[in-house]
Amino acid sequence: MPSTDPTEWFDDFSVHIDDEELLEHAATLEPTLFHEGSRIGATLWIILVSALAGAFSGFTFSDEVQSSWLIFIPYLIAGGLVLRALKPVSTRLLGPTVA
């Protein structure tokens, strides 16, 4: 089975990458590595999402949610839907770096 490690070739001295290929590779990675938007906006978004996640996790272990399966299962489904919606919303608001 071939290796799936993308860094395996680093120690292989028989591999040669010319400057143009290296610049193309860096250009494809640049939009996801560098955040060009507002750092304050990104910080506030991360704080908001973290606070919501903390409230969700704290409420998950409450007696009201765990009192019956009819409440717990829809609660988990709603949490999954919120998680599913967070990535596109984060990408739209702040770009792929923050998302």
PDB file of N, CA and C in Angstrom:
ATOM      1  N   MET A   1       0.838  -1.172   0.000  1.00  0.00           N
ATOM      2  CA  MET A   1       0.000   0.000   0.000  1.00  0.00           C
ATOM      3  C   MET A   1       0.890   1.245   0.000  1.00  0.00           C
ATOM      4  N   PRO A   2       0.666   2.177  -0.923  1.00  0.00           N
ATOM      5  CA  PRO A   2       1.499   3.368  -0.965  1.00  0.00           C
ATOM      6  C   PRO A   2       1.257   4.266   0.240  1.00  0.00           C
ATOM      7  N   SER A   3       2.294   4.997   0.600  1.00  0.00           N
ATOM      8  CA  SER A   3       2.205   5.888   1.754  1.00  0.00           C
ATOM      9  C   SER A   3       1.309   7.090   1.433  1.00  0.00           C
ATOM     10  N   THR A   4       0.549   7.513   2.421  1.00  0.00           N
ATOM     11  CA  THR A   4      -0.305   8.691   2.247  1.00  0.00           C
ATOM     12  C   THR A   4       0.286   9.921   2.927  1.00  0.00           C
ATOM     13  N   ASP A   5       1.488   9.810   3.446  1.00  0.00           N
ATOM     14  CA  ASP A   5       2.142  10.928   4.123  1.00  0.00           C
ATOM     15  C   ASP A   5       2.676  11.909   3.075  1.00  0.00           C
ATOM     16  N   PRO A   6       2.141  13.134   3.035  1.00  0.00           N
ATOM     17  CA  PRO A   6       2.598  14.083   2.024  1.00  0.00           C
ATOM     18  C   PRO A   6       4.009  14.614   2.270  1.00  0.00           C
ATOM     19  N   THR A   7       4.559  14.390   3.450  1.00  0.00           N
ATOM     20  CA  THR A   7       5.902  14.888   3.753  1.00  0.00           C
ATOM     21  C   THR A   7       6.961  13.800   3.639  1.00  0.00           C
ATOM     22  N   GLU A   8       6.602  12.662   3.127  1.00  0.00           N
ATOM     23  CA  GLU A   8       7.546  11.546   3.049  1.00  0.00           C
ATOM     24  C   GLU A   8       8.738  11.869   2.155  1.00  0.00           C
ATOM     25  N   TRP A   9       8.534  12.703   1.141  1.00  0.00           N
ATOM     26  CA  TRP A   9       9.596  13.007   0.194  1.00  0.00           C
ATOM     27  C   TRP A   9      10.604  14.023   0.729  1.00  0.00           C
ATOM     28  N   PHE A  10      10.364  14.615   1.908  1.00  0.00           N
ATOM     29  CA  PHE A  10      11.260  15.641   2.431  1.00  0.00           C
ATOM     30  C   PHE A  10      12.696  15.135   2.604  1.00  0.00           C
ATOM     31  N   ASP A  11      12.848  13.920   3.065  1.00  0.00           N
ATOM     32  CA  ASP A  11      14.185  13.385   3.302  1.00  0.00           C
ATOM     33  C   ASP A  11      14.725  12.593   2.115  1.00  0.00           C
ATOM     34  N   ASP A  12      13.972  12.562   1.020  1.00  0.00           N
ATOM     35  CA  ASP A  12      14.399  11.836  -0.178  1.00  0.00           C
ATOM     36  C   ASP A  12      15.148  12.810  -1.084  1.00  0.00           C
ATOM     37  N   PHE A  13      16.473  12.645  -1.173  1.00  0.00           N
ATOM     38  CA  PHE A  13      17.297  13.563  -1.942  1.00  0.00           C
ATOM     39  C   PHE A  13      17.204  13.337  -3.441  1.00  0.00           C
ATOM     40  N   SER A  14      16.504  12.300  -3.872  1.00  0.00           N
ATOM     41  CA  SER A  14      16.329  12.075  -5.302  1.00  0.00           C
ATOM     42  C   SER A  14      15.162  12.889  -5.860  1.00  0.00           C
ATOM     43  N   VAL A  15      14.382  13.522  -4.985  1.00  0.00           N
ATOM     44  CA  VAL A  15      13.251  14.336  -5.423  1.00  0.00           C
ATOM     45  C   VAL A  15      13.733  15.758  -5.673  1.00  0.00           C
ATOM     46  N   HIS A  16      13.400  16.268  -6.857  1.00  0.00           N
ATOM     47  CA  HIS A  16      13.778  17.642  -7.205  1.00  0.00           C
ATOM     48  C   HIS A  16      12.520  18.426  -7.540  1.00  0.00           C
ATOM     49  N   ILE A  17      12.367  19.559  -6.874  1.00  0.00           N
ATOM     50  CA  ILE A  17      11.242  20.453  -7.144  1.00  0.00           C
ATOM     51  C   ILE A  17      11.832  21.784  -7.580  1.00  0.00           C
ATOM     52  N   ASP A  18      11.474  22.207  -8.785  1.00  0.00           N
ATOM     53  CA  ASP A  18      11.997  23.477  -9.249  1.00  0.00           C
ATOM     54  C   ASP A  18      11.203  24.640  -8.639  1.00  0.00           C
ATOM     55  N   ASP A  19      11.720  25.837  -8.833  1.00  0.00           N
ATOM     56  CA  ASP A  19      11.137  27.017  -8.190  1.00  0.00           C
ATOM     57  C   ASP A  19       9.700  27.281  -8.627  1.00  0.00           C
ATOM     58  N   GLU A  20       9.407  27.094  -9.903  1.00  0.00           N
ATOM     59  CA  GLU A  20       8.055  27.361 -10.397  1.00  0.00           C
ATOM     60  C   GLU A  20       7.037  26.427  -9.750  1.00  0.00           C
ATOM     61  N   GLU A  21       7.383  25.157  -9.621  1.00  0.00           N
ATOM     62  CA  GLU A  21       6.470  24.189  -9.010  1.00  0.00           C
ATOM     63  C   GLU A  21       6.252  24.511  -7.529  1.00  0.00           C
ATOM     64  N   LEU A  22       7.310  24.917  -6.866  1.00  0.00           N
ATOM     65  CA  LEU A  22       7.195  25.280  -5.457  1.00  0.00           C
ATOM     66  C   LEU A  22       6.331  26.528  -5.277  1.00  0.00           C
ATOM     67  N   LEU A  23       6.475  27.513  -6.163  1.00  0.00           N
ATOM     68  CA  LEU A  23       5.652  28.723  -6.097  1.00  0.00           C
ATOM     69  C   LEU A  23       4.180  28.420  -6.397  1.00  0.00           C
ATOM     70  N   GLU A  24       3.919  27.503  -7.337  1.00  0.00           N
ATOM     71  CA  GLU A  24       2.539  27.103  -7.622  1.00  0.00           C
ATOM     72  C   GLU A  24       1.910  26.435  -6.402  1.00  0.00           C
ATOM     73  N   HIS A  25       2.673  25.571  -5.759  1.00  0.00           N
ATOM     74  CA  HIS A  25       2.168  24.885  -4.569  1.00  0.00           C
ATOM     75  C   HIS A  25       1.897  25.888  -3.446  1.00  0.00           C
ATOM     76  N   ALA A  26       2.792  26.845  -3.264  1.00  0.00           N
ATOM     77  CA  ALA A  26       2.599  27.868  -2.229  1.00  0.00           C
ATOM     78  C   ALA A  26       1.394  28.748  -2.556  1.00  0.00           C
ATOM     79  N   ALA A  27       1.176  29.044  -3.825  1.00  0.00           N
ATOM     80  CA  ALA A  27       0.041  29.880  -4.217  1.00  0.00           C
ATOM     81  C   ALA A  27      -1.287  29.181  -3.961  1.00  0.00           C
ATOM     82  N   THR A  28      -1.326  27.858  -4.093  1.00  0.00           N
ATOM     83  CA  THR A  28      -2.572  27.141  -3.816  1.00  0.00           C
ATOM     84  C   THR A  28      -2.857  27.078  -2.320  1.00  0.00           C
ATOM     85  N   LEU A  29      -1.813  27.095  -1.490  1.00  0.00           N
ATOM     86  CA  LEU A  29      -1.999  27.037  -0.044  1.00  0.00           C
ATOM     87  C   LEU A  29      -2.233  28.408   0.580  1.00  0.00           C
ATOM     88  N   GLU A  30      -1.818  29.466  -0.073  1.00  0.00           N
ATOM     89  CA  GLU A  30      -1.855  30.801   0.523  1.00  0.00           C
ATOM     90  C   GLU A  30      -3.240  31.263   0.971  1.00  0.00           C
ATOM     91  N   PRO A  31      -4.328  31.049   0.204  1.00  0.00           N
ATOM     92  CA  PRO A  31      -5.628  31.545   0.670  1.00  0.00           C
ATOM     93  C   PRO A  31      -6.108  30.907   1.974  1.00  0.00           C
ATOM     94  N   THR A  32      -5.674  29.699   2.256  1.00  0.00           N
ATOM     95  CA  THR A  32      -6.123  29.059   3.492  1.00  0.00           C
ATOM     96  C   THR A  32      -5.156  29.269   4.649  1.00  0.00           C
ATOM     97  N   LEU A  33      -3.981  29.803   4.391  1.00  0.00           N
ATOM     98  CA  LEU A  33      -3.002  30.002   5.461  1.00  0.00           C
ATOM     99  C   LEU A  33      -3.002  31.412   6.023  1.00  0.00           C
ATOM    100  N   PHE A  34      -3.287  32.393   5.186  1.00  0.00           N
ATOM    101  CA  PHE A  34      -3.191  33.784   5.610  1.00  0.00           C
ATOM    102  C   PHE A  34      -4.571  34.420   5.657  1.00  0.00           C
ATOM    103  N   HIS A  35      -4.888  35.008   6.783  1.00  0.00           N
ATOM    104  CA  HIS A  35      -6.173  35.679   6.954  1.00  0.00           C
ATOM    105  C   HIS A  35      -5.987  37.154   6.634  1.00  0.00           C
ATOM    106  N   GLU A  36      -6.703  37.629   5.611  1.00  0.00           N
ATOM    107  CA  GLU A  36      -6.556  39.011   5.191  1.00  0.00           C
ATOM    108  C   GLU A  36      -7.678  39.904   5.723  1.00  0.00           C
ATOM    109  N   GLY A  37      -8.640  39.311   6.420  1.00  0.00           N
ATOM    110  CA  GLY A  37      -9.786  40.076   6.904  1.00  0.00           C
ATOM    111  C   GLY A  37      -9.531  40.687   8.264  1.00  0.00           C
ATOM    112  N   SER A  38     -10.615  41.081   8.883  1.00  0.00           N
ATOM    113  CA  SER A  38     -10.561  41.733  10.186  1.00  0.00           C
ATOM    114  C   SER A  38     -10.224  40.722  11.286  1.00  0.00           C
ATOM    115  N   ARG A  39      -9.180  41.007  12.017  1.00  0.00           N
ATOM    116  CA  ARG A  39      -8.819  40.134  13.135  1.00  0.00           C
ATOM    117  C   ARG A  39      -9.805  40.278  14.286  1.00  0.00           C
ATOM    118  N   ILE A  40     -10.326  41.478  14.461  1.00  0.00           N
ATOM    119  CA  ILE A  40     -11.318  41.697  15.526  1.00  0.00           C
ATOM    120  C   ILE A  40     -12.593  40.925  15.207  1.00  0.00           C
ATOM    121  N   GLY A  41     -13.022  40.980  13.949  1.00  0.00           N
ATOM    122  CA  GLY A  41     -14.211  40.224  13.546  1.00  0.00           C
ATOM    123  C   GLY A  41     -14.017  38.736  13.726  1.00  0.00           C
ATOM    124  N   ALA A  42     -12.846  38.232  13.338  1.00  0.00           N
ATOM    125  CA  ALA A  42     -12.559  36.808  13.503  1.00  0.00           C
ATOM    126  C   ALA A  42     -12.536  36.425  14.980  1.00  0.00           C
ATOM    127  N   THR A  43     -11.954  37.279  15.796  1.00  0.00           N
ATOM    128  CA  THR A  43     -11.890  37.008  17.225  1.00  0.00           C
ATOM    129  C   THR A  43     -13.286  36.979  17.847  1.00  0.00           C
ATOM    130  N   LEU A  44     -14.108  37.970  17.482  1.00  0.00           N
ATOM    131  CA  LEU A  44     -15.469  38.008  18.015  1.00  0.00           C
ATOM    132  C   LEU A  44     -16.288  36.813  17.555  1.00  0.00           C
ATOM    133  N   TRP A  45     -16.103  36.390  16.299  1.00  0.00           N
ATOM    134  CA  TRP A  45     -16.832  35.223  15.790  1.00  0.00           C
ATOM    135  C   TRP A  45     -16.417  33.963  16.548  1.00  0.00           C
ATOM    136  N   ILE A  46     -15.130  33.782  16.765  1.00  0.00           N
ATOM    137  CA  ILE A  46     -14.639  32.601  17.485  1.00  0.00           C
ATOM    138  C   ILE A  46     -15.131  32.625  18.927  1.00  0.00           C
ATOM    139  N   ILE A  47     -15.152  33.794  19.553  1.00  0.00           N
ATOM    140  CA  ILE A  47     -15.669  33.895  20.924  1.00  0.00           C
ATOM    141  C   ILE A  47     -17.146  33.526  20.962  1.00  0.00           C
ATOM    142  N   LEU A  48     -17.921  34.039  20.003  1.00  0.00           N
ATOM    143  CA  LEU A  48     -19.356  33.737  19.954  1.00  0.00           C
ATOM    144  C   LEU A  48     -19.608  32.244  19.759  1.00  0.00           C
ATOM    145  N   VAL A  49     -18.917  31.644  18.810  1.00  0.00           N
ATOM    146  CA  VAL A  49     -19.103  30.215  18.544  1.00  0.00           C
ATOM    147  C   VAL A  49     -18.650  29.384  19.742  1.00  0.00           C
ATOM    148  N   SER A  50     -17.568  29.775  20.376  1.00  0.00           N
ATOM    149  CA  SER A  50     -17.082  29.044  21.555  1.00  0.00           C
ATOM    150  C   SER A  50     -18.065  29.152  22.720  1.00  0.00           C
ATOM    151  N   ALA A  51     -18.638  30.322  22.916  1.00  0.00           N
ATOM    152  CA  ALA A  51     -19.621  30.487  23.990  1.00  0.00           C
ATOM    153  C   ALA A  51     -20.871  29.652  23.718  1.00  0.00           C
ATOM    154  N   LEU A  52     -21.320  29.639  22.469  1.00  0.00           N
ATOM    155  CA  LEU A  52     -22.473  28.802  22.118  1.00  0.00           C
ATOM    156  C   LEU A  52     -22.168  27.319  22.300  1.00  0.00           C
ATOM    157  N   ALA A  53     -20.965  26.914  21.922  1.00  0.00           N
ATOM    158  CA  ALA A  53     -20.582  25.505  22.099  1.00  0.00           C
ATOM    159  C   ALA A  53     -20.512  25.140  23.578  1.00  0.00           C
ATOM    160  N   GLY A  54     -19.997  26.043  24.403  1.00  0.00           N
ATOM    161  CA  GLY A  54     -19.943  25.784  25.840  1.00  0.00           C
ATOM    162  C   GLY A  54     -21.329  25.694  26.447  1.00  0.00           C
ATOM    163  N   ALA A  55     -22.228  26.575  26.011  1.00  0.00           N
ATOM    164  CA  ALA A  55     -23.599  26.522  26.517  1.00  0.00           C
ATOM    165  C   ALA A  55     -24.292  25.235  26.067  1.00  0.00           C
ATOM    166  N   PHE A  56     -24.059  24.840  24.824  1.00  0.00           N
ATOM    167  CA  PHE A  56     -24.649  23.609  24.310  1.00  0.00           C
ATOM    168  C   PHE A  56     -24.146  22.398  25.086  1.00  0.00           C
ATOM    169  N   SER A  57     -22.839  22.346  25.317  1.00  0.00           N
ATOM    170  CA  SER A  57     -22.296  21.190  26.031  1.00  0.00           C
ATOM    171  C   SER A  57     -22.745  21.170  27.488  1.00  0.00           C
ATOM    172  N   GLY A  58     -22.844  22.326  28.119  1.00  0.00           N
ATOM    173  CA  GLY A  58     -23.332  22.365  29.497  1.00  0.00           C
ATOM    174  C   GLY A  58     -24.790  21.969  29.603  1.00  0.00           C
ATOM    175  N   PHE A  59     -25.588  22.386  28.630  1.00  0.00           N
ATOM    176  CA  PHE A  59     -27.013  22.046  28.633  1.00  0.00           C
ATOM    177  C   PHE A  59     -27.249  20.578  28.280  1.00  0.00           C
ATOM    178  N   THR A  60     -26.293  19.964  27.567  1.00  0.00           N
ATOM    179  CA  THR A  60     -26.433  18.553  27.181  1.00  0.00           C
ATOM    180  C   THR A  60     -26.522  17.647  28.396  1.00  0.00           C
ATOM    181  N   PHE A  61     -25.798  17.971  29.445  1.00  0.00           N
ATOM    182  CA  PHE A  61     -25.775  17.117  30.629  1.00  0.00           C
ATOM    183  C   PHE A  61     -26.812  17.515  31.683  1.00  0.00           C
ATOM    184  N   SER A  62     -27.699  18.423  31.318  1.00  0.00           N
ATOM    185  CA  SER A  62     -28.730  18.822  32.281  1.00  0.00           C
ATOM    186  C   SER A  62     -29.807  17.744  32.378  1.00  0.00           C
ATOM    187  N   ASP A  63     -30.537  17.776  33.474  1.00  0.00           N
ATOM    188  CA  ASP A  63     -31.582  16.776  33.700  1.00  0.00           C
ATOM    189  C   ASP A  63     -32.740  16.919  32.715  1.00  0.00           C
ATOM    190  N   GLU A  64     -33.014  18.132  32.258  1.00  0.00           N
ATOM    191  CA  GLU A  64     -34.124  18.336  31.329  1.00  0.00           C
ATOM    192  C   GLU A  64     -33.881  17.633  30.005  1.00  0.00           C
ATOM    193  N   VAL A  65     -32.670  17.740  29.496  1.00  0.00           N
ATOM    194  CA  VAL A  65     -32.361  17.132  28.201  1.00  0.00           C
ATOM    195  C   VAL A  65     -32.264  15.618  28.329  1.00  0.00           C
ATOM    196  N   GLN A  66     -31.680  15.127  29.370  1.00  0.00           N
ATOM    197  CA  GLN A  66     -31.478  13.694  29.518  1.00  0.00           C
ATOM    198  C   GLN A  66     -32.659  12.992  30.184  1.00  0.00           C
ATOM    199  N   SER A  67     -33.759  13.691  30.375  1.00  0.00           N
ATOM    200  CA  SER A  67     -34.898  13.075  31.044  1.00  0.00           C
ATOM    201  C   SER A  67     -35.587  12.023  30.186  1.00  0.00           C
ATOM    202  N   SER A  68     -35.584  12.203  28.865  1.00  0.00           N
ATOM    203  CA  SER A  68     -36.195  11.186  28.011  1.00  0.00           C
ATOM    204  C   SER A  68     -35.511  11.199  26.654  1.00  0.00           C
ATOM    205  N   TRP A  69     -35.638  10.085  25.944  1.00  0.00           N
ATOM    206  CA  TRP A  69     -35.068   9.960  24.608  1.00  0.00           C
ATOM    207  C   TRP A  69     -35.792  10.859  23.617  1.00  0.00           C
ATOM    208  N   LEU A  70     -37.055  11.168  23.870  1.00  0.00           N
ATOM    209  CA  LEU A  70     -37.814  12.023  22.963  1.00  0.00           C
ATOM    210  C   LEU A  70     -37.311  13.469  22.963  1.00  0.00           C
ATOM    211  N   ILE A  71     -36.601  13.846  24.001  1.00  0.00           N
ATOM    212  CA  ILE A  71     -35.991  15.169  24.053  1.00  0.00           C
ATOM    213  C   ILE A  71     -34.524  15.093  23.628  1.00  0.00           C
ATOM    214  N   PHE A  72     -33.819  14.063  24.056  1.00  0.00           N
ATOM    215  CA  PHE A  72     -32.381  13.964  23.844  1.00  0.00           C
ATOM    216  C   PHE A  72     -32.014  13.769  22.372  1.00  0.00           C
ATOM    217  N   ILE A  73     -32.710  12.891  21.665  1.00  0.00           N
ATOM    218  CA  ILE A  73     -32.379  12.616  20.261  1.00  0.00           C
ATOM    219  C   ILE A  73     -32.601  13.853  19.383  1.00  0.00           C
ATOM    220  N   PRO A  74     -33.752  14.533  19.445  1.00  0.00           N
ATOM    221  CA  PRO A  74     -33.878  15.760  18.643  1.00  0.00           C
ATOM    222  C   PRO A  74     -32.885  16.848  19.038  1.00  0.00           C
ATOM    223  N   TYR A  75     -32.521  16.874  20.321  1.00  0.00           N
ATOM    224  CA  TYR A  75     -31.525  17.838  20.785  1.00  0.00           C
ATOM    225  C   TYR A  75     -30.179  17.578  20.111  1.00  0.00           C
ATOM    226  N   LEU A  76     -29.775  16.327  20.027  1.00  0.00           N
ATOM    227  CA  LEU A  76     -28.519  15.988  19.356  1.00  0.00           C
ATOM    228  C   LEU A  76     -28.594  16.250  17.859  1.00  0.00           C
ATOM    229  N   ILE A  77     -29.735  15.970  17.263  1.00  0.00           N
ATOM    230  CA  ILE A  77     -29.899  16.245  15.831  1.00  0.00           C
ATOM    231  C   ILE A  77     -29.807  17.745  15.569  1.00  0.00           C
ATOM    232  N   ALA A  78     -30.439  18.541  16.416  1.00  0.00           N
ATOM    233  CA  ALA A  78     -30.367  20.000  16.269  1.00  0.00           C
ATOM    234  C   ALA A  78     -28.923  20.487  16.437  1.00  0.00           C
ATOM    235  N   GLY A  79     -28.195  19.900  17.378  1.00  0.00           N
ATOM    236  CA  GLY A  79     -26.790  20.258  17.551  1.00  0.00           C
ATOM    237  C   GLY A  79     -25.963  19.916  16.329  1.00  0.00           C
ATOM    238  N   GLY A  80     -26.215  18.765  15.726  1.00  0.00           N
ATOM    239  CA  GLY A  80     -25.515  18.386  14.503  1.00  0.00           C
ATOM    240  C   GLY A  80     -25.820  19.321  13.343  1.00  0.00           C
ATOM    241  N   LEU A  81     -27.071  19.746  13.245  1.00  0.00           N
ATOM    242  CA  LEU A  81     -27.438  20.688  12.186  1.00  0.00           C
ATOM    243  C   LEU A  81     -26.771  22.042  12.382  1.00  0.00           C
ATOM    244  N   VAL A  82     -26.664  22.468  13.633  1.00  0.00           N
ATOM    245  CA  VAL A  82     -25.971  23.736  13.910  1.00  0.00           C
ATOM    246  C   VAL A  82     -24.494  23.614  13.538  1.00  0.00           C
ATOM    247  N   LEU A  83     -23.875  22.499  13.886  1.00  0.00           N
ATOM    248  CA  LEU A  83     -22.472  22.296  13.519  1.00  0.00           C
ATOM    249  C   LEU A  83     -22.295  22.255  12.007  1.00  0.00           C
ATOM    250  N   ARG A  84     -23.248  21.632  11.331  1.00  0.00           N
ATOM    251  CA  ARG A  84     -23.188  21.543   9.869  1.00  0.00           C
ATOM    252  C   ARG A  84     -23.316  22.923   9.232  1.00  0.00           C
ATOM    253  N   ALA A  85     -24.083  23.814   9.847  1.00  0.00           N
ATOM    254  CA  ALA A  85     -24.296  25.150   9.290  1.00  0.00           C
ATOM    255  C   ALA A  85     -23.167  26.115   9.641  1.00  0.00           C
ATOM    256  N   LEU A  86     -22.393  25.828  10.674  1.00  0.00           N
ATOM    257  CA  LEU A  86     -21.360  26.765  11.107  1.00  0.00           C
ATOM    258  C   LEU A  86     -20.237  26.943  10.087  1.00  0.00           C
ATOM    259  N   LYS A  87     -19.810  25.873   9.440  1.00  0.00           N
ATOM    260  CA  LYS A  87     -18.701  25.991   8.492  1.00  0.00           C
ATOM    261  C   LYS A  87     -19.045  26.872   7.300  1.00  0.00           C
ATOM    262  N   PRO A  88     -20.190  26.673   6.617  1.00  0.00           N
ATOM    263  CA  PRO A  88     -20.494  27.587   5.508  1.00  0.00           C
ATOM    264  C   PRO A  88     -20.698  29.037   5.954  1.00  0.00           C
ATOM    265  N   VAL A  89     -21.316  29.218   7.111  1.00  0.00           N
ATOM    266  CA  VAL A  89     -21.522  30.582   7.607  1.00  0.00           C
ATOM    267  C   VAL A  89     -20.177  31.224   7.934  1.00  0.00           C
ATOM    268  N   SER A  90     -19.299  30.480   8.589  1.00  0.00           N
ATOM    269  CA  SER A  90     -17.971  31.010   8.921  1.00  0.00           C
ATOM    270  C   SER A  90     -17.172  31.311   7.664  1.00  0.00           C
ATOM    271  N   THR A  91     -17.257  30.445   6.673  1.00  0.00           N
ATOM    272  CA  THR A  91     -16.537  30.669   5.422  1.00  0.00           C
ATOM    273  C   THR A  91     -17.080  31.902   4.718  1.00  0.00           C
ATOM    274  N   ARG A  92     -18.378  32.069   4.701  1.00  0.00           N
ATOM    275  CA  ARG A  92     -18.987  33.227   4.031  1.00  0.00           C
ATOM    276  C   ARG A  92     -18.621  34.522   4.754  1.00  0.00           C
ATOM    277  N   LEU A  93     -18.648  34.512   6.085  1.00  0.00           N
ATOM    278  CA  LEU A  93     -18.384  35.733   6.843  1.00  0.00           C
ATOM    279  C   LEU A  93     -16.904  36.105   6.882  1.00  0.00           C
ATOM    280  N   LEU A  94     -16.048  35.114   7.115  1.00  0.00           N
ATOM    281  CA  LEU A  94     -14.640  35.439   7.407  1.00  0.00           C
ATOM    282  C   LEU A  94     -13.621  34.751   6.521  1.00  0.00           C
ATOM    283  N   GLY A  95     -14.068  33.890   5.613  1.00  0.00           N
ATOM    284  CA  GLY A  95     -13.139  33.236   4.706  1.00  0.00           C
ATOM    285  C   GLY A  95     -12.706  31.877   5.209  1.00  0.00           C
ATOM    286  N   PRO A  96     -11.990  31.136   4.357  1.00  0.00           N
ATOM    287  CA  PRO A  96     -11.623  29.755   4.709  1.00  0.00           C
ATOM    288  C   PRO A  96     -10.587  29.643   5.822  1.00  0.00           C
ATOM    289  N   THR A  97      -9.824  30.696   6.054  1.00  0.00           N
ATOM    290  CA  THR A  97      -8.802  30.635   7.097  1.00  0.00           C
ATOM    291  C   THR A  97      -9.420  30.484   8.470  1.00  0.00           C
ATOM    292  N   VAL A  98     -10.431  31.272   8.764  1.00  0.00           N
ATOM    293  CA  VAL A  98     -11.086  31.231  10.074  1.00  0.00           C
ATOM    294  C   VAL A  98     -12.014  30.031  10.165  1.00  0.00           C
ATOM    295  N   ALA A  99     -12.659  29.687   9.071  1.00  0.00           N
ATOM    296  CA  ALA A  99     -13.613  28.573   9.087  1.00  0.00           C
ATOM    297  C   ALA A  99     -12.889  27.280   9.370  1.00  0.00           C
TER     298      ALA A  99
END
